[in-house]
Amino acid sequence: MRILIADDHGIVRQGLKSLIEHQSDMEVIGQAEDGRVAVELAKELCPDVVVMDISMPALNGMEATRLILQEHKDIKVIALSMHSDKHFVREALESGASAYVLKSYLFDELIRALETVAQDGCYLSPRITNVIIDDYVRKNKRIESVKPKLTSRERQIVQLVAEGRTTKEIARTLYISPKTADANRRQIMSKLNMSSVAELTKYAVREGLTSLEF
């Protein structure tokens, strides 16, 4: 099994690599320090599985997962998180992740998660209870029909704005013009009925687009 690790903390990446490579049938073929690098490495290396931290700067793990699976539907993604809140679980599953592993139980559960997704199964940390899954199935359609739906590009812009990036920096990151970046930000704020960057930042944190605690 060929595995790509994406986490913005080097010590976590090294710990995961050491754990994984103790398994005779598993190999770490690459490491990414943020979501954008993860997307590029997934395209270049075509791993079987990506172990993806969901909270990373520049591009969070959930958006990175969406972008990877758009082009490589056969890649499996294991989401890593410190959050057991049902909102984060729901967003990770909606992004296409096949597993959700809590960092507090990471070393005990990651190998089981890898073995499960390799067999086309889904894995959730035991603390992610059936109540969360029931809530996901029952409420997902209703929630999505009520709240404004942002595109993947719009979610990326919201994250970058919330992380304090300037219009020029956003434009450079997304390969668009500053004029387009500014217009897109204004359109997003109008769609969400928001009038300030502070409101947009609160929205980004609430929706799990960024934690601002990297």
N, C-alpha and C. Protein backbone atom coordinates (compact mmCIF):
# COMPACT_ATOMS: atom_id res chain seq x y z
N MET A 1 0.85 -1.19 0.00
CA MET A 1 0.00 0.00 0.00
C MET A 1 0.89 1.25 0.00
N ARG A 2 0.68 2.12 -0.98
CA ARG A 2 1.48 3.33 -1.12
C ARG A 2 0.73 4.50 -0.48
N ILE A 3 1.37 5.20 0.45
CA ILE A 3 0.68 6.17 1.29
C ILE A 3 1.34 7.55 1.22
N LEU A 4 0.50 8.57 1.10
CA LEU A 4 0.94 9.97 1.16
C LEU A 4 0.44 10.56 2.48
N ILE A 5 1.32 11.24 3.21
CA ILE A 5 0.96 11.86 4.49
C ILE A 5 0.88 13.36 4.31
N ALA A 6 -0.23 13.97 4.76
CA ALA A 6 -0.38 15.43 4.71
C ALA A 6 -0.70 15.96 6.09
N ASP A 7 0.23 16.71 6.66
CA ASP A 7 0.03 17.34 7.97
C ASP A 7 1.00 18.50 8.06
N ASP A 8 0.54 19.62 8.63
CA ASP A 8 1.42 20.80 8.66
C ASP A 8 2.44 20.76 9.80
N HIS A 9 2.41 19.73 10.62
CA HIS A 9 3.41 19.60 11.68
C HIS A 9 4.40 18.49 11.32
N GLY A 10 5.67 18.88 11.17
CA GLY A 10 6.69 17.93 10.75
C GLY A 10 6.85 16.77 11.70
N ILE A 11 6.73 17.02 12.99
CA ILE A 11 6.91 15.94 13.97
C ILE A 11 5.79 14.91 13.86
N VAL A 12 4.58 15.37 13.50
CA VAL A 12 3.47 14.44 13.29
C VAL A 12 3.72 13.59 12.06
N ARG A 13 4.18 14.24 10.98
CA ARG A 13 4.47 13.49 9.76
C ARG A 13 5.51 12.41 10.01
N GLN A 14 6.56 12.75 10.74
CA GLN A 14 7.62 11.78 11.00
C GLN A 14 7.11 10.64 11.89
N GLY A 15 6.26 10.98 12.86
CA GLY A 15 5.69 9.94 13.71
C GLY A 15 4.81 8.99 12.93
N LEU A 16 3.99 9.54 12.03
CA LEU A 16 3.13 8.71 11.20
C LEU A 16 3.96 7.83 10.27
N LYS A 17 4.99 8.41 9.69
CA LYS A 17 5.86 7.66 8.78
C LYS A 17 6.50 6.48 9.51
N SER A 18 6.99 6.73 10.71
CA SER A 18 7.63 5.66 11.49
C SER A 18 6.64 4.55 11.81
N LEU A 19 5.43 4.93 12.21
CA LEU A 19 4.40 3.94 12.54
C LEU A 19 4.04 3.10 11.32
N ILE A 20 3.78 3.79 10.21
CA ILE A 20 3.33 3.10 9.00
C ILE A 20 4.40 2.15 8.46
N GLU A 21 5.64 2.59 8.47
CA GLU A 21 6.69 1.79 7.84
C GLU A 21 7.13 0.60 8.69
N HIS A 22 6.54 0.47 9.87
CA HIS A 22 6.74 -0.76 10.64
C HIS A 22 5.86 -1.89 10.08
N GLN A 23 4.94 -1.54 9.21
CA GLN A 23 4.06 -2.54 8.59
C GLN A 23 4.70 -3.02 7.28
N SER A 24 4.79 -4.31 7.12
CA SER A 24 5.54 -4.86 5.99
C SER A 24 4.91 -4.54 4.64
N ASP A 25 3.60 -4.30 4.59
CA ASP A 25 2.94 -4.09 3.31
C ASP A 25 2.56 -2.63 3.08
N MET A 26 3.17 -1.71 3.84
CA MET A 26 2.85 -0.30 3.71
C MET A 26 4.11 0.52 3.48
N GLU A 27 4.00 1.54 2.61
CA GLU A 27 5.15 2.38 2.28
C GLU A 27 4.71 3.84 2.18
N VAL A 28 5.44 4.73 2.84
CA VAL A 28 5.17 6.17 2.72
C VAL A 28 5.95 6.70 1.53
N ILE A 29 5.25 7.18 0.52
CA ILE A 29 5.91 7.62 -0.72
C ILE A 29 6.04 9.13 -0.82
N GLY A 30 5.43 9.87 0.13
CA GLY A 30 5.53 11.32 0.07
C GLY A 30 4.93 11.97 1.30
N GLN A 31 5.35 13.23 1.54
CA GLN A 31 4.84 14.00 2.66
C GLN A 31 4.50 15.41 2.19
N ALA A 32 3.39 15.95 2.69
CA ALA A 32 2.96 17.29 2.32
C ALA A 32 2.70 18.11 3.58
N GLU A 33 3.12 19.37 3.55
CA GLU A 33 2.96 20.23 4.72
C GLU A 33 1.69 21.08 4.68
N ASP A 34 0.98 21.04 3.56
CA ASP A 34 -0.32 21.73 3.50
C ASP A 34 -1.16 21.09 2.40
N GLY A 35 -2.41 21.56 2.31
CA GLY A 35 -3.35 20.94 1.38
C GLY A 35 -2.96 21.08 -0.08
N ARG A 36 -2.40 22.23 -0.43
CA ARG A 36 -2.04 22.44 -1.84
C ARG A 36 -0.92 21.51 -2.28
N VAL A 37 0.05 21.33 -1.41
CA VAL A 37 1.14 20.39 -1.73
C VAL A 37 0.58 18.98 -1.81
N ALA A 38 -0.37 18.65 -0.95
CA ALA A 38 -0.98 17.32 -0.97
C ALA A 38 -1.67 17.06 -2.31
N VAL A 39 -2.37 18.06 -2.82
CA VAL A 39 -3.06 17.91 -4.11
C VAL A 39 -2.05 17.66 -5.23
N GLU A 40 -0.96 18.44 -5.23
CA GLU A 40 0.06 18.29 -6.26
C GLU A 40 0.76 16.93 -6.17
N LEU A 41 1.10 16.51 -4.94
CA LEU A 41 1.78 15.22 -4.78
C LEU A 41 0.87 14.05 -5.12
N ALA A 42 -0.43 14.19 -4.81
CA ALA A 42 -1.36 13.12 -5.17
C ALA A 42 -1.41 12.96 -6.69
N LYS A 43 -1.37 14.08 -7.39
CA LYS A 43 -1.38 14.05 -8.85
C LYS A 43 -0.09 13.42 -9.39
N GLU A 44 1.02 13.76 -8.76
CA GLU A 44 2.32 13.29 -9.22
C GLU A 44 2.60 11.83 -8.85
N LEU A 45 2.25 11.44 -7.62
CA LEU A 45 2.65 10.13 -7.09
C LEU A 45 1.57 9.05 -7.16
N CYS A 46 0.31 9.46 -7.31
CA CYS A 46 -0.82 8.52 -7.37
C CYS A 46 -0.78 7.49 -6.23
N PRO A 47 -0.87 7.94 -4.99
CA PRO A 47 -0.85 7.00 -3.86
C PRO A 47 -2.14 6.19 -3.79
N ASP A 48 -2.10 5.11 -3.04
CA ASP A 48 -3.33 4.34 -2.79
C ASP A 48 -4.18 5.04 -1.74
N VAL A 49 -3.49 5.62 -0.74
CA VAL A 49 -4.19 6.26 0.38
C VAL A 49 -3.49 7.57 0.73
N VAL A 50 -4.29 8.60 1.06
CA VAL A 50 -3.75 9.84 1.61
C VAL A 50 -4.22 9.95 3.06
N VAL A 51 -3.27 10.08 3.98
CA VAL A 51 -3.59 10.34 5.38
C VAL A 51 -3.58 11.85 5.55
N MET A 52 -4.75 12.45 5.74
CA MET A 52 -4.95 13.89 5.58
C MET A 52 -5.41 14.59 6.86
N ASP A 53 -4.56 15.47 7.38
CA ASP A 53 -4.99 16.34 8.49
C ASP A 53 -6.04 17.30 7.93
N ILE A 54 -7.16 17.48 8.63
CA ILE A 54 -8.20 18.34 8.06
C ILE A 54 -7.96 19.81 8.34
N SER A 55 -7.10 20.15 9.30
CA SER A 55 -6.85 21.56 9.63
C SER A 55 -5.42 21.93 9.24
N MET A 56 -5.27 22.55 8.06
CA MET A 56 -3.96 22.99 7.59
C MET A 56 -4.11 24.38 6.97
N PRO A 57 -3.03 25.16 6.97
CA PRO A 57 -3.09 26.50 6.38
C PRO A 57 -3.14 26.47 4.86
N ALA A 58 -3.55 27.59 4.27
CA ALA A 58 -3.59 27.79 2.81
C ALA A 58 -4.72 26.99 2.15
N LEU A 59 -4.78 25.70 2.39
CA LEU A 59 -5.87 24.87 1.88
C LEU A 59 -6.11 23.76 2.89
N ASN A 60 -7.28 23.73 3.52
CA ASN A 60 -7.53 22.73 4.56
C ASN A 60 -7.70 21.34 3.95
N GLY A 61 -7.63 20.34 4.81
CA GLY A 61 -7.65 18.96 4.34
C GLY A 61 -8.94 18.55 3.66
N MET A 62 -10.06 19.14 4.06
CA MET A 62 -11.33 18.76 3.45
C MET A 62 -11.41 19.25 2.00
N GLU A 63 -10.95 20.50 1.76
CA GLU A 63 -10.94 21.00 0.38
C GLU A 63 -9.90 20.25 -0.45
N ALA A 64 -8.76 19.94 0.16
CA ALA A 64 -7.74 19.18 -0.55
C ALA A 64 -8.29 17.81 -0.95
N THR A 65 -9.05 17.19 -0.06
CA THR A 65 -9.67 15.89 -0.36
C THR A 65 -10.60 16.00 -1.55
N ARG A 66 -11.43 17.04 -1.57
CA ARG A 66 -12.35 17.23 -2.70
C ARG A 66 -11.59 17.36 -4.01
N LEU A 67 -10.53 18.16 -4.01
CA LEU A 67 -9.77 18.38 -5.24
C LEU A 67 -9.06 17.11 -5.70
N ILE A 68 -8.51 16.35 -4.75
CA ILE A 68 -7.83 15.10 -5.11
C ILE A 68 -8.81 14.11 -5.73
N LEU A 69 -9.98 13.95 -5.10
CA LEU A 69 -10.94 12.95 -5.56
C LEU A 69 -11.64 13.36 -6.86
N GLN A 70 -11.61 14.64 -7.19
CA GLN A 70 -12.16 15.07 -8.47
C GLN A 70 -11.39 14.44 -9.63
N GLU A 71 -10.09 14.28 -9.44
CA GLU A 71 -9.25 13.74 -10.52
C GLU A 71 -8.85 12.29 -10.29
N HIS A 72 -8.88 11.84 -9.03
CA HIS A 72 -8.41 10.48 -8.72
C HIS A 72 -9.43 9.81 -7.80
N LYS A 73 -10.50 9.33 -8.37
CA LYS A 73 -11.59 8.77 -7.57
C LYS A 73 -11.21 7.47 -6.88
N ASP A 74 -10.12 6.83 -7.32
CA ASP A 74 -9.73 5.56 -6.72
C ASP A 74 -8.83 5.74 -5.50
N ILE A 75 -8.36 6.96 -5.24
CA ILE A 75 -7.55 7.21 -4.06
C ILE A 75 -8.44 7.24 -2.82
N LYS A 76 -8.00 6.61 -1.75
CA LYS A 76 -8.73 6.64 -0.48
C LYS A 76 -8.12 7.71 0.42
N VAL A 77 -8.96 8.41 1.16
CA VAL A 77 -8.47 9.46 2.07
C VAL A 77 -8.91 9.14 3.49
N ILE A 78 -7.95 9.19 4.41
CA ILE A 78 -8.23 9.05 5.84
C ILE A 78 -8.08 10.43 6.46
N ALA A 79 -9.15 10.97 7.00
CA ALA A 79 -9.13 12.29 7.63
C ALA A 79 -8.62 12.16 9.07
N LEU A 80 -7.69 13.03 9.43
CA LEU A 80 -7.19 13.09 10.80
C LEU A 80 -7.70 14.38 11.44
N SER A 81 -8.15 14.30 12.69
CA SER A 81 -8.66 15.50 13.35
C SER A 81 -8.61 15.38 14.86
N MET A 82 -8.52 16.53 15.52
CA MET A 82 -8.63 16.56 16.97
C MET A 82 -10.08 16.77 17.39
N HIS A 83 -10.97 16.99 16.41
CA HIS A 83 -12.37 17.31 16.69
C HIS A 83 -13.27 16.08 16.56
N SER A 84 -14.09 15.84 17.57
CA SER A 84 -15.09 14.77 17.50
C SER A 84 -16.48 15.33 17.24
N ASP A 85 -16.59 16.65 17.09
CA ASP A 85 -17.88 17.29 16.82
C ASP A 85 -18.47 16.77 15.51
N LYS A 86 -19.78 16.50 15.53
CA LYS A 86 -20.44 15.91 14.36
C LYS A 86 -20.32 16.79 13.12
N HIS A 87 -20.19 18.10 13.32
CA HIS A 87 -20.07 18.99 12.16
C HIS A 87 -18.80 18.68 11.37
N PHE A 88 -17.68 18.49 12.07
CA PHE A 88 -16.42 18.19 11.39
C PHE A 88 -16.47 16.82 10.71
N VAL A 89 -17.09 15.87 11.38
CA VAL A 89 -17.22 14.53 10.79
C VAL A 89 -18.06 14.61 9.51
N ARG A 90 -19.17 15.32 9.58
CA ARG A 90 -20.05 15.44 8.42
C ARG A 90 -19.32 16.07 7.23
N GLU A 91 -18.58 17.16 7.50
CA GLU A 91 -17.87 17.84 6.43
C GLU A 91 -16.79 16.94 5.82
N ALA A 92 -16.10 16.17 6.68
CA ALA A 92 -15.06 15.28 6.17
C ALA A 92 -15.65 14.19 5.29
N LEU A 93 -16.77 13.60 5.72
CA LEU A 93 -17.41 12.56 4.92
C LEU A 93 -17.96 13.13 3.62
N GLU A 94 -18.50 14.34 3.67
CA GLU A 94 -19.02 14.96 2.46
C GLU A 94 -17.90 15.26 1.46
N SER A 95 -16.71 15.51 1.97
CA SER A 95 -15.59 15.79 1.08
C SER A 95 -15.12 14.54 0.35
N GLY A 96 -15.52 13.36 0.85
CA GLY A 96 -15.16 12.10 0.20
C GLY A 96 -14.24 11.22 1.02
N ALA A 97 -13.89 11.63 2.22
CA ALA A 97 -13.01 10.81 3.07
C ALA A 97 -13.66 9.47 3.38
N SER A 98 -12.86 8.41 3.40
CA SER A 98 -13.34 7.07 3.70
C SER A 98 -13.19 6.72 5.17
N ALA A 99 -12.45 7.53 5.91
CA ALA A 99 -12.23 7.26 7.33
C ALA A 99 -12.02 8.56 8.07
N TYR A 100 -12.34 8.54 9.37
CA TYR A 100 -12.15 9.71 10.23
C TYR A 100 -11.53 9.21 11.52
N VAL A 101 -10.28 9.61 11.75
CA VAL A 101 -9.52 9.14 12.90
C VAL A 101 -9.18 10.31 13.80
N LEU A 102 -9.50 10.19 15.08
CA LEU A 102 -9.18 11.24 16.04
C LEU A 102 -7.69 11.19 16.39
N LYS A 103 -7.07 12.36 16.44
CA LYS A 103 -5.64 12.41 16.73
C LYS A 103 -5.32 11.91 18.13
N SER A 104 -6.27 12.00 19.04
CA SER A 104 -6.02 11.53 20.40
C SER A 104 -5.85 10.02 20.46
N TYR A 105 -6.33 9.32 19.43
CA TYR A 105 -6.20 7.86 19.37
C TYR A 105 -5.43 7.44 18.11
N LEU A 106 -4.68 8.36 17.57
CA LEU A 106 -4.09 8.18 16.25
C LEU A 106 -3.29 6.90 16.10
N PHE A 107 -2.33 6.68 16.98
CA PHE A 107 -1.41 5.56 16.79
C PHE A 107 -2.08 4.21 17.04
N ASP A 108 -3.14 4.20 17.81
CA ASP A 108 -3.86 2.95 18.05
C ASP A 108 -4.77 2.59 16.89
N GLU A 109 -5.25 3.59 16.19
CA GLU A 109 -6.31 3.35 15.21
C GLU A 109 -5.90 3.49 13.75
N LEU A 110 -4.81 4.18 13.48
CA LEU A 110 -4.49 4.48 12.08
C LEU A 110 -4.28 3.22 11.25
N ILE A 111 -3.58 2.25 11.78
CA ILE A 111 -3.33 1.03 11.01
C ILE A 111 -4.64 0.31 10.69
N ARG A 112 -5.56 0.25 11.68
CA ARG A 112 -6.87 -0.36 11.42
C ARG A 112 -7.61 0.41 10.34
N ALA A 113 -7.51 1.73 10.38
CA ALA A 113 -8.18 2.55 9.36
C ALA A 113 -7.58 2.29 7.98
N LEU A 114 -6.26 2.20 7.91
CA LEU A 114 -5.60 1.93 6.62
C LEU A 114 -6.02 0.57 6.06
N GLU A 115 -6.04 -0.43 6.92
CA GLU A 115 -6.43 -1.77 6.47
C GLU A 115 -7.89 -1.79 6.02
N THR A 116 -8.73 -1.02 6.71
CA THR A 116 -10.16 -1.00 6.36
C THR A 116 -10.41 -0.33 5.03
N VAL A 117 -9.82 0.85 4.81
CA VAL A 117 -10.08 1.56 3.55
C VAL A 117 -9.44 0.83 2.37
N ALA A 118 -8.36 0.09 2.64
CA ALA A 118 -7.74 -0.69 1.56
C ALA A 118 -8.68 -1.77 1.04
N GLN A 119 -9.63 -2.18 1.88
CA GLN A 119 -10.63 -3.18 1.49
C GLN A 119 -11.95 -2.50 1.08
N ASP A 120 -11.86 -1.22 0.72
CA ASP A 120 -13.02 -0.43 0.29
C ASP A 120 -14.05 -0.22 1.40
N GLY A 121 -13.60 -0.30 2.65
CA GLY A 121 -14.50 -0.06 3.77
C GLY A 121 -14.37 1.36 4.30
N CYS A 122 -15.20 1.69 5.28
CA CYS A 122 -15.15 2.99 5.95
C CYS A 122 -14.80 2.77 7.42
N TYR A 123 -14.05 3.70 7.99
CA TYR A 123 -13.63 3.56 9.38
C TYR A 123 -13.85 4.87 10.12
N LEU A 124 -14.43 4.77 11.32
CA LEU A 124 -14.60 5.92 12.19
C LEU A 124 -14.05 5.57 13.57
N SER A 125 -13.37 6.52 14.20
CA SER A 125 -12.93 6.30 15.57
C SER A 125 -14.12 5.94 16.45
N PRO A 126 -13.94 5.02 17.39
CA PRO A 126 -15.05 4.61 18.25
C PRO A 126 -15.79 5.76 18.94
N ARG A 127 -15.09 6.84 19.25
CA ARG A 127 -15.76 7.97 19.89
C ARG A 127 -16.74 8.68 18.95
N ILE A 128 -16.59 8.43 17.65
CA ILE A 128 -17.55 8.98 16.69
C ILE A 128 -18.73 8.00 16.67
N THR A 129 -19.73 8.28 17.44
CA THR A 129 -20.80 7.32 17.70
C THR A 129 -21.81 7.19 16.58
N ASN A 130 -22.68 6.18 16.73
CA ASN A 130 -23.74 5.98 15.75
C ASN A 130 -24.69 7.17 15.70
N VAL A 131 -24.77 7.91 16.79
CA VAL A 131 -25.63 9.09 16.79
C VAL A 131 -25.18 10.08 15.73
N ILE A 132 -23.88 10.21 15.57
CA ILE A 132 -23.34 11.14 14.58
C ILE A 132 -23.70 10.67 13.17
N ILE A 133 -23.56 9.38 12.93
CA ILE A 133 -23.89 8.86 11.61
C ILE A 133 -25.39 9.02 11.33
N ASP A 134 -26.21 8.72 12.31
CA ASP A 134 -27.65 8.90 12.14
C ASP A 134 -27.98 10.37 11.85
N ASP A 135 -27.32 11.25 12.57
CA ASP A 135 -27.54 12.68 12.36
C ASP A 135 -27.13 13.09 10.95
N TYR A 136 -26.02 12.53 10.50
CA TYR A 136 -25.53 12.84 9.15
C TYR A 136 -26.54 12.42 8.09
N VAL A 137 -27.04 11.21 8.20
CA VAL A 137 -27.98 10.69 7.21
C VAL A 137 -29.31 11.44 7.24
N ARG A 138 -29.79 11.73 8.46
CA ARG A 138 -31.12 12.31 8.63
C ARG A 138 -31.17 13.80 8.31
N LYS A 139 -30.11 14.52 8.70
CA LYS A 139 -30.19 15.98 8.62
C LYS A 139 -29.43 16.60 7.46
N ASN A 140 -28.59 15.83 6.82
CA ASN A 140 -27.72 16.40 5.80
C ASN A 140 -28.48 17.15 4.71
N LYS A 141 -29.50 16.53 4.14
CA LYS A 141 -30.23 17.17 3.06
C LYS A 141 -30.92 18.44 3.53
N ARG A 142 -31.49 18.39 4.73
CA ARG A 142 -32.19 19.58 5.23
C ARG A 142 -31.22 20.73 5.47
N ILE A 143 -30.07 20.44 6.06
CA ILE A 143 -29.09 21.47 6.34
C ILE A 143 -28.58 22.10 5.05
N GLU A 144 -28.25 21.25 4.08
CA GLU A 144 -27.70 21.75 2.83
C GLU A 144 -28.70 22.60 2.06
N SER A 145 -30.00 22.29 2.22
CA SER A 145 -31.01 23.06 1.50
C SER A 145 -31.23 24.43 2.12
N VAL A 146 -30.84 24.58 3.40
CA VAL A 146 -31.08 25.84 4.11
C VAL A 146 -29.90 26.80 3.96
N LYS A 147 -28.68 26.30 4.18
CA LYS A 147 -27.54 27.21 4.16
C LYS A 147 -27.04 27.45 2.73
N PRO A 148 -26.49 28.64 2.47
CA PRO A 148 -25.96 28.94 1.13
C PRO A 148 -24.88 27.95 0.75
N LYS A 149 -24.89 27.54 -0.49
CA LYS A 149 -23.93 26.55 -0.97
C LYS A 149 -22.77 27.24 -1.66
N LEU A 150 -21.56 27.10 -1.12
CA LEU A 150 -20.38 27.68 -1.73
C LEU A 150 -19.68 26.65 -2.61
N THR A 151 -19.08 27.12 -3.69
CA THR A 151 -18.30 26.24 -4.54
C THR A 151 -16.95 25.96 -3.88
N SER A 152 -16.21 24.99 -4.41
CA SER A 152 -14.89 24.68 -3.87
C SER A 152 -13.98 25.91 -3.94
N ARG A 153 -14.00 26.63 -5.05
CA ARG A 153 -13.18 27.83 -5.18
C ARG A 153 -13.58 28.88 -4.16
N GLU A 154 -14.88 29.05 -3.93
CA GLU A 154 -15.35 30.02 -2.95
C GLU A 154 -14.90 29.64 -1.54
N ARG A 155 -14.95 28.35 -1.22
CA ARG A 155 -14.49 27.91 0.10
C ARG A 155 -13.00 28.16 0.28
N GLN A 156 -12.23 27.99 -0.80
CA GLN A 156 -10.80 28.27 -0.73
C GLN A 156 -10.55 29.75 -0.46
N ILE A 157 -11.31 30.61 -1.12
CA ILE A 157 -11.16 32.05 -0.92
C ILE A 157 -11.53 32.44 0.50
N VAL A 158 -12.61 31.87 1.02
CA VAL A 158 -13.02 32.17 2.40
C VAL A 158 -11.90 31.79 3.36
N GLN A 159 -11.29 30.62 3.17
CA GLN A 159 -10.21 30.21 4.07
C GLN A 159 -9.05 31.19 4.00
N LEU A 160 -8.66 31.58 2.80
CA LEU A 160 -7.51 32.48 2.65
C LEU A 160 -7.79 33.85 3.23
N VAL A 161 -9.01 34.35 3.05
CA VAL A 161 -9.38 35.64 3.63
C VAL A 161 -9.32 35.55 5.16
N ALA A 162 -9.88 34.46 5.71
CA ALA A 162 -9.90 34.28 7.15
C ALA A 162 -8.50 34.18 7.74
N GLU A 163 -7.57 33.66 6.95
CA GLU A 163 -6.19 33.51 7.42
C GLU A 163 -5.36 34.77 7.21
N GLY A 164 -6.04 35.85 6.78
CA GLY A 164 -5.38 37.15 6.69
C GLY A 164 -4.62 37.41 5.41
N ARG A 165 -4.85 36.61 4.38
CA ARG A 165 -4.16 36.82 3.11
C ARG A 165 -4.70 38.06 2.40
N THR A 166 -3.83 38.83 1.77
CA THR A 166 -4.24 40.01 1.01
C THR A 166 -4.85 39.56 -0.32
N THR A 167 -5.51 40.51 -0.98
CA THR A 167 -6.11 40.20 -2.28
C THR A 167 -5.04 39.72 -3.27
N LYS A 168 -3.89 40.36 -3.26
CA LYS A 168 -2.81 39.95 -4.16
C LYS A 168 -2.31 38.55 -3.84
N GLU A 169 -2.20 38.24 -2.54
CA GLU A 169 -1.75 36.90 -2.14
C GLU A 169 -2.77 35.84 -2.54
N ILE A 170 -4.04 36.14 -2.38
CA ILE A 170 -5.09 35.20 -2.78
C ILE A 170 -5.04 34.97 -4.28
N ALA A 171 -4.88 36.06 -5.03
CA ALA A 171 -4.81 35.95 -6.49
C ALA A 171 -3.62 35.10 -6.92
N ARG A 172 -2.48 35.31 -6.27
CA ARG A 172 -1.28 34.54 -6.63
C ARG A 172 -1.46 33.06 -6.28
N THR A 173 -2.07 32.79 -5.13
CA THR A 173 -2.27 31.40 -4.69
C THR A 173 -3.20 30.65 -5.62
N LEU A 174 -4.26 31.32 -6.09
CA LEU A 174 -5.28 30.66 -6.90
C LEU A 174 -5.10 30.88 -8.40
N TYR A 175 -4.02 31.57 -8.78
CA TYR A 175 -3.72 31.82 -10.20
C TYR A 175 -4.85 32.59 -10.88
N ILE A 176 -5.33 33.63 -10.22
CA ILE A 176 -6.34 34.51 -10.79
C ILE A 176 -5.85 35.94 -10.61
N SER A 177 -6.52 36.89 -11.25
CA SER A 177 -6.12 38.29 -11.12
C SER A 177 -6.62 38.86 -9.81
N PRO A 178 -5.93 39.89 -9.28
CA PRO A 178 -6.41 40.54 -8.06
C PRO A 178 -7.83 41.07 -8.21
N LYS A 179 -8.16 41.56 -9.39
CA LYS A 179 -9.51 42.07 -9.63
C LYS A 179 -10.54 40.96 -9.49
N THR A 180 -10.22 39.79 -10.02
CA THR A 180 -11.13 38.64 -9.91
C THR A 180 -11.24 38.18 -8.47
N ALA A 181 -10.10 38.14 -7.77
CA ALA A 181 -10.11 37.71 -6.37
C ALA A 181 -10.98 38.64 -5.52
N ASP A 182 -10.86 39.94 -5.75
CA ASP A 182 -11.66 40.89 -4.99
C ASP A 182 -13.14 40.76 -5.33
N ALA A 183 -13.44 40.57 -6.61
CA ALA A 183 -14.84 40.41 -7.03
C ALA A 183 -15.44 39.15 -6.43
N ASN A 184 -14.65 38.07 -6.41
CA ASN A 184 -15.14 36.81 -5.84
C ASN A 184 -15.41 36.95 -4.35
N ARG A 185 -14.53 37.67 -3.64
CA ARG A 185 -14.74 37.88 -2.21
C ARG A 185 -16.03 38.64 -1.95
N ARG A 186 -16.26 39.66 -2.75
CA ARG A 186 -17.49 40.45 -2.59
C ARG A 186 -18.73 39.61 -2.88
N GLN A 187 -18.65 38.77 -3.90
CA GLN A 187 -19.78 37.90 -4.25
C GLN A 187 -20.07 36.91 -3.12
N ILE A 188 -19.01 36.38 -2.53
CA ILE A 188 -19.18 35.43 -1.42
C ILE A 188 -19.86 36.11 -0.24
N MET A 189 -19.40 37.30 0.10
CA MET A 189 -19.98 38.03 1.23
C MET A 189 -21.44 38.37 0.97
N SER A 190 -21.76 38.67 -0.28
CA SER A 190 -23.15 38.94 -0.64
C SER A 190 -23.99 37.67 -0.52
N LYS A 191 -23.44 36.56 -1.00
CA LYS A 191 -24.15 35.29 -0.94
C LYS A 191 -24.43 34.88 0.51
N LEU A 192 -23.46 35.13 1.39
CA LEU A 192 -23.60 34.75 2.80
C LEU A 192 -24.28 35.84 3.63
N ASN A 193 -24.60 36.95 2.96
CA ASN A 193 -25.23 38.09 3.65
C ASN A 193 -24.36 38.61 4.78
N MET A 194 -23.08 38.81 4.47
CA MET A 194 -22.12 39.31 5.44
C MET A 194 -21.53 40.63 4.95
N SER A 195 -21.16 41.47 5.91
CA SER A 195 -20.68 42.80 5.54
C SER A 195 -19.25 43.09 5.99
N SER A 196 -18.60 42.11 6.66
CA SER A 196 -17.24 42.36 7.14
C SER A 196 -16.40 41.09 7.07
N VAL A 197 -15.08 41.32 7.04
CA VAL A 197 -14.14 40.20 7.04
C VAL A 197 -14.22 39.43 8.37
N ALA A 198 -14.52 40.15 9.45
CA ALA A 198 -14.65 39.49 10.76
C ALA A 198 -15.77 38.45 10.73
N GLU A 199 -16.89 38.80 10.11
CA GLU A 199 -18.00 37.84 9.98
C GLU A 199 -17.58 36.65 9.14
N LEU A 200 -16.85 36.93 8.07
CA LEU A 200 -16.39 35.86 7.18
C LEU A 200 -15.41 34.94 7.90
N THR A 201 -14.57 35.52 8.75
CA THR A 201 -13.61 34.72 9.52
C THR A 201 -14.33 33.81 10.51
N LYS A 202 -15.33 34.33 11.19
CA LYS A 202 -16.12 33.52 12.11
C LYS A 202 -16.81 32.37 11.37
N TYR A 203 -17.31 32.68 10.18
CA TYR A 203 -17.96 31.65 9.35
C TYR A 203 -16.97 30.55 8.98
N ALA A 204 -15.75 30.96 8.59
CA ALA A 204 -14.73 29.98 8.19
C ALA A 204 -14.38 29.04 9.33
N VAL A 205 -14.25 29.58 10.55
CA VAL A 205 -13.93 28.75 11.71
C VAL A 205 -15.10 27.83 12.04
N ARG A 206 -16.31 28.39 12.01
CA ARG A 206 -17.51 27.60 12.34
C ARG A 206 -17.72 26.46 11.36
N GLU A 207 -17.43 26.70 10.09
CA GLU A 207 -17.64 25.68 9.06
C GLU A 207 -16.47 24.72 8.91
N GLY A 208 -15.41 24.93 9.71
CA GLY A 208 -14.26 24.02 9.65
C GLY A 208 -13.33 24.27 8.49
N LEU A 209 -13.44 25.44 7.84
CA LEU A 209 -12.56 25.76 6.72
C LEU A 209 -11.17 26.11 7.21
N THR A 210 -11.08 26.62 8.43
CA THR A 210 -9.79 26.90 9.05
C THR A 210 -9.99 26.89 10.56
N SER A 211 -8.94 26.58 11.28
CA SER A 211 -9.02 26.61 12.74
C SER A 211 -8.30 27.82 13.29
N LEU A 212 -7.42 28.44 12.45
CA LEU A 212 -6.57 29.56 12.88
C LEU A 212 -5.68 29.18 14.05
N GLU A 213 -5.42 27.86 14.20
CA GLU A 213 -4.57 27.37 15.30
C GLU A 213 -3.56 26.37 14.76
N PHE A 214 -2.77 26.79 13.79
CA PHE A 214 -1.88 25.85 13.13
C PHE A 214 -0.57 25.71 13.89
